[in-house]
Amino acid sequence: MHSSIAGGRRFATCGIALQLATTALLAMAWAVAQGMSAALAVGFGGGAVALGNALFALRVFAVRVAPARQVLRGVYTGEALKLGLALSLLYVAIAVLKLPFLPLLAGLVSAQIVFWVALVAIR
């Protein structure tokens, strides 16, 4: 029998792996169609979502058993770190590296959709 913590860790690992795999496949497709700049943009978009989710999972599952207040604090902290990392990476991609916006958005949206689908598919 799996505990809910073990199931959560398993889901997080599978979901993030699916996000990274989807991002890599999409980046390869954009590389063929539009070049390496577009592929890098897809990687930044999808990577921002996947790395944010990985950081969130690390924070939430940092302790095995804890009082509800501590778990909730971990969720809030993890979400804040996730959003901060994602926004920072997107800022670097857009303002610093000047990557094309459409592939960046495609990577971001595809990685997020894969995670939502995984919520239903992985049980």
C-alpha atoms as a PDB file:
ATOM      1  CA  MET A   1       0.000   0.000   0.000  1.00  0.00           C
ATOM      2  CA  HIS A   2       1.287   3.464  -0.885  1.00  0.00           C
ATOM      3  CA  SER A   3       1.051   6.389   1.465  1.00  0.00           C
ATOM      4  CA  SER A   4      -0.245   9.696   0.189  1.00  0.00           C
ATOM      5  CA  ILE A   5       3.239  11.181   0.608  1.00  0.00           C
ATOM      6  CA  ALA A   6       4.825   8.424  -1.480  1.00  0.00           C
ATOM      7  CA  GLY A   7       2.093   8.808  -4.085  1.00  0.00           C
ATOM      8  CA  GLY A   8       2.686  12.555  -4.198  1.00  0.00           C
ATOM      9  CA  ARG A   9       6.415  12.082  -4.657  1.00  0.00           C
ATOM     10  CA  ARG A  10       5.812   9.522  -7.401  1.00  0.00           C
ATOM     11  CA  PHE A  11       3.367  11.821  -9.178  1.00  0.00           C
ATOM     12  CA  ALA A  12       5.736  14.805  -8.916  1.00  0.00           C
ATOM     13  CA  THR A  13       8.612  12.779 -10.344  1.00  0.00           C
ATOM     14  CA  CYS A  14       6.534  11.394 -13.217  1.00  0.00           C
ATOM     15  CA  GLY A  15       4.883  14.728 -13.967  1.00  0.00           C
ATOM     16  CA  ILE A  16       8.175  16.618 -14.086  1.00  0.00           C
ATOM     17  CA  ALA A  17       9.772  13.906 -16.238  1.00  0.00           C
ATOM     18  CA  LEU A  18       6.845  14.162 -18.667  1.00  0.00           C
ATOM     19  CA  GLN A  19       7.199  17.949 -18.760  1.00  0.00           C
ATOM     20  CA  LEU A  20      10.913  17.715 -19.528  1.00  0.00           C
ATOM     21  CA  ALA A  21      10.384  15.037 -22.193  1.00  0.00           C
ATOM     22  CA  THR A  22       7.635  17.068 -23.860  1.00  0.00           C
ATOM     23  CA  THR A  23       9.798  20.179 -23.774  1.00  0.00           C
ATOM     24  CA  ALA A  24      12.736  18.312 -25.326  1.00  0.00           C
ATOM     25  CA  LEU A  25      10.596  16.871 -28.139  1.00  0.00           C
ATOM     26  CA  LEU A  26       8.987  20.228 -28.842  1.00  0.00           C
ATOM     27  CA  ALA A  27      12.393  21.937 -28.823  1.00  0.00           C
ATOM     28  CA  MET A  28      13.674  19.454 -31.395  1.00  0.00           C
ATOM     29  CA  ALA A  29      10.662  20.136 -33.608  1.00  0.00           C
ATOM     30  CA  TRP A  30      11.158  23.916 -33.351  1.00  0.00           C
ATOM     31  CA  ALA A  31      14.893  23.490 -34.024  1.00  0.00           C
ATOM     32  CA  VAL A  32      14.124  21.751 -37.314  1.00  0.00           C
ATOM     33  CA  ALA A  33      11.399  24.225 -38.262  1.00  0.00           C
ATOM     34  CA  GLN A  34      12.801  27.551 -37.043  1.00  0.00           C
ATOM     35  CA  GLY A  35      16.372  27.069 -35.822  1.00  0.00           C
ATOM     36  CA  MET A  36      18.273  26.926 -32.568  1.00  0.00           C
ATOM     37  CA  SER A  37      17.009  30.251 -31.221  1.00  0.00           C
ATOM     38  CA  ALA A  38      13.442  28.936 -31.299  1.00  0.00           C
ATOM     39  CA  ALA A  39      14.523  25.635 -29.746  1.00  0.00           C
ATOM     40  CA  LEU A  40      16.256  27.494 -26.920  1.00  0.00           C
ATOM     41  CA  ALA A  41      13.105  29.555 -26.377  1.00  0.00           C
ATOM     42  CA  VAL A  42      10.996  26.386 -26.111  1.00  0.00           C
ATOM     43  CA  GLY A  43      13.531  24.994 -23.644  1.00  0.00           C
ATOM     44  CA  PHE A  44      13.349  28.109 -21.502  1.00  0.00           C
ATOM     45  CA  GLY A  45       9.537  28.130 -21.532  1.00  0.00           C
ATOM     46  CA  GLY A  46       9.072  24.471 -20.711  1.00  0.00           C
ATOM     47  CA  GLY A  47      12.072  24.428 -18.416  1.00  0.00           C
ATOM     48  CA  ALA A  48      10.725  27.334 -16.381  1.00  0.00           C
ATOM     49  CA  VAL A  49       7.533  25.383 -15.685  1.00  0.00           C
ATOM     50  CA  ALA A  50       9.273  22.047 -15.033  1.00  0.00           C
ATOM     51  CA  LEU A  51      11.981  23.507 -12.801  1.00  0.00           C
ATOM     52  CA  GLY A  52       9.378  25.504 -10.908  1.00  0.00           C
ATOM     53  CA  ASN A  53       7.358  22.360 -10.285  1.00  0.00           C
ATOM     54  CA  ALA A  54      10.494  20.490  -9.206  1.00  0.00           C
ATOM     55  CA  LEU A  55      11.351  23.234  -6.727  1.00  0.00           C
ATOM     56  CA  PHE A  56       7.775  23.164  -5.436  1.00  0.00           C
ATOM     57  CA  ALA A  57       7.878  19.373  -4.981  1.00  0.00           C
ATOM     58  CA  LEU A  58      11.222  19.536  -3.172  1.00  0.00           C
ATOM     59  CA  ARG A  59       9.831  22.104  -0.758  1.00  0.00           C
ATOM     60  CA  VAL A  60       6.509  20.337  -0.151  1.00  0.00           C
ATOM     61  CA  PHE A  61       8.044  16.891   0.332  1.00  0.00           C
ATOM     62  CA  ALA A  62      11.014  18.138   2.394  1.00  0.00           C
ATOM     63  CA  VAL A  63       9.596  16.572   5.563  1.00  0.00           C
ATOM     64  CA  ARG A  64       7.917  13.195   5.814  1.00  0.00           C
ATOM     65  CA  VAL A  65       5.424  13.754   8.622  1.00  0.00           C
ATOM     66  CA  ALA A  66       4.597  17.177   9.974  1.00  0.00           C
ATOM     67  CA  PRO A  67       1.752  19.122  11.537  1.00  0.00           C
ATOM     68  CA  ALA A  68      -0.783  20.529   9.082  1.00  0.00           C
ATOM     69  CA  ARG A  69       0.379  24.111   9.682  1.00  0.00           C
ATOM     70  CA  GLN A  70       3.956  23.221   8.718  1.00  0.00           C
ATOM     71  CA  VAL A  71       2.798  21.371   5.598  1.00  0.00           C
ATOM     72  CA  LEU A  72       0.637  24.315   4.551  1.00  0.00           C
ATOM     73  CA  ARG A  73       3.557  26.688   5.108  1.00  0.00           C
ATOM     74  CA  GLY A  74       5.652  24.427   2.872  1.00  0.00           C
ATOM     75  CA  VAL A  75       3.004  24.554   0.149  1.00  0.00           C
ATOM     76  CA  TYR A  76       2.835  28.369   0.271  1.00  0.00           C
ATOM     77  CA  THR A  77       6.609  28.710   0.309  1.00  0.00           C
ATOM     78  CA  GLY A  78       6.981  26.203  -2.512  1.00  0.00           C
ATOM     79  CA  GLU A  79       4.415  28.008  -4.646  1.00  0.00           C
ATOM     80  CA  ALA A  80       6.114  31.365  -4.070  1.00  0.00           C
ATOM     81  CA  LEU A  81       9.508  29.886  -4.999  1.00  0.00           C
ATOM     82  CA  LYS A  82       7.994  28.192  -8.066  1.00  0.00           C
ATOM     83  CA  LEU A  83       6.445  31.384  -9.374  1.00  0.00           C
ATOM     84  CA  GLY A  84       9.561  33.422  -8.582  1.00  0.00           C
ATOM     85  CA  LEU A  85      11.808  31.000 -10.452  1.00  0.00           C
ATOM     86  CA  ALA A  86       9.461  30.778 -13.433  1.00  0.00           C
ATOM     87  CA  LEU A  87       9.116  34.550 -13.709  1.00  0.00           C
ATOM     88  CA  SER A  88      12.887  35.032 -13.347  1.00  0.00           C
ATOM     89  CA  LEU A  89      13.623  32.534 -16.123  1.00  0.00           C
ATOM     90  CA  LEU A  90      10.997  34.077 -18.374  1.00  0.00           C
ATOM     91  CA  TYR A  91      12.451  37.541 -17.748  1.00  0.00           C
ATOM     92  CA  VAL A  92      15.922  36.279 -18.699  1.00  0.00           C
ATOM     93  CA  ALA A  93      14.531  34.637 -21.845  1.00  0.00           C
ATOM     94  CA  ILE A  94      12.609  37.721 -22.984  1.00  0.00           C
ATOM     95  CA  ALA A  95      14.600  40.730 -21.763  1.00  0.00           C
ATOM     96  CA  VAL A  96      18.167  39.441 -21.579  1.00  0.00           C
ATOM     97  CA  LEU A  97      18.472  36.742 -24.244  1.00  0.00           C
ATOM     98  CA  LYS A  98      15.793  38.277 -26.525  1.00  0.00           C
ATOM     99  CA  LEU A  99      14.414  34.855 -27.443  1.00  0.00           C
ATOM    100  CA  PRO A 100      11.397  34.648 -29.781  1.00  0.00           C
ATOM    101  CA  PHE A 101       8.138  34.874 -27.882  1.00  0.00           C
ATOM    102  CA  LEU A 102       5.968  32.334 -29.741  1.00  0.00           C
ATOM    103  CA  PRO A 103       8.258  29.316 -29.157  1.00  0.00           C
ATOM    104  CA  LEU A 104       8.783  30.446 -25.562  1.00  0.00           C
ATOM    105  CA  LEU A 105       5.031  30.508 -25.039  1.00  0.00           C
ATOM    106  CA  ALA A 106       4.648  27.155 -26.823  1.00  0.00           C
ATOM    107  CA  GLY A 107       7.144  25.527 -24.456  1.00  0.00           C
ATOM    108  CA  LEU A 108       5.531  27.056 -21.392  1.00  0.00           C
ATOM    109  CA  VAL A 109       1.977  26.115 -22.363  1.00  0.00           C
ATOM    110  CA  SER A 110       2.841  22.590 -23.506  1.00  0.00           C
ATOM    111  CA  ALA A 111       4.719  21.823 -20.275  1.00  0.00           C
ATOM    112  CA  GLN A 112       1.805  23.101 -18.193  1.00  0.00           C
ATOM    113  CA  ILE A 113      -0.797  21.178 -20.203  1.00  0.00           C
ATOM    114  CA  VAL A 114       1.226  17.976 -19.863  1.00  0.00           C
ATOM    115  CA  PHE A 115       1.252  18.454 -16.090  1.00  0.00           C
ATOM    116  CA  TRP A 116      -2.528  18.964 -16.008  1.00  0.00           C
ATOM    117  CA  VAL A 117      -3.053  15.859 -18.131  1.00  0.00           C
ATOM    118  CA  ALA A 118      -0.719  13.937 -15.836  1.00  0.00           C
ATOM    119  CA  LEU A 119      -2.893  14.945 -12.862  1.00  0.00           C
ATOM    120  CA  VAL A 120      -5.695  12.913 -14.429  1.00  0.00           C
ATOM    121  CA  ALA A 121      -3.680  10.139 -16.058  1.00  0.00           C
ATOM    122  CA  ILE A 122      -1.254   9.238 -13.243  1.00  0.00           C
ATOM    123  CA  ARG A 123      -3.002   7.799 -10.228  1.00  0.00           C
END
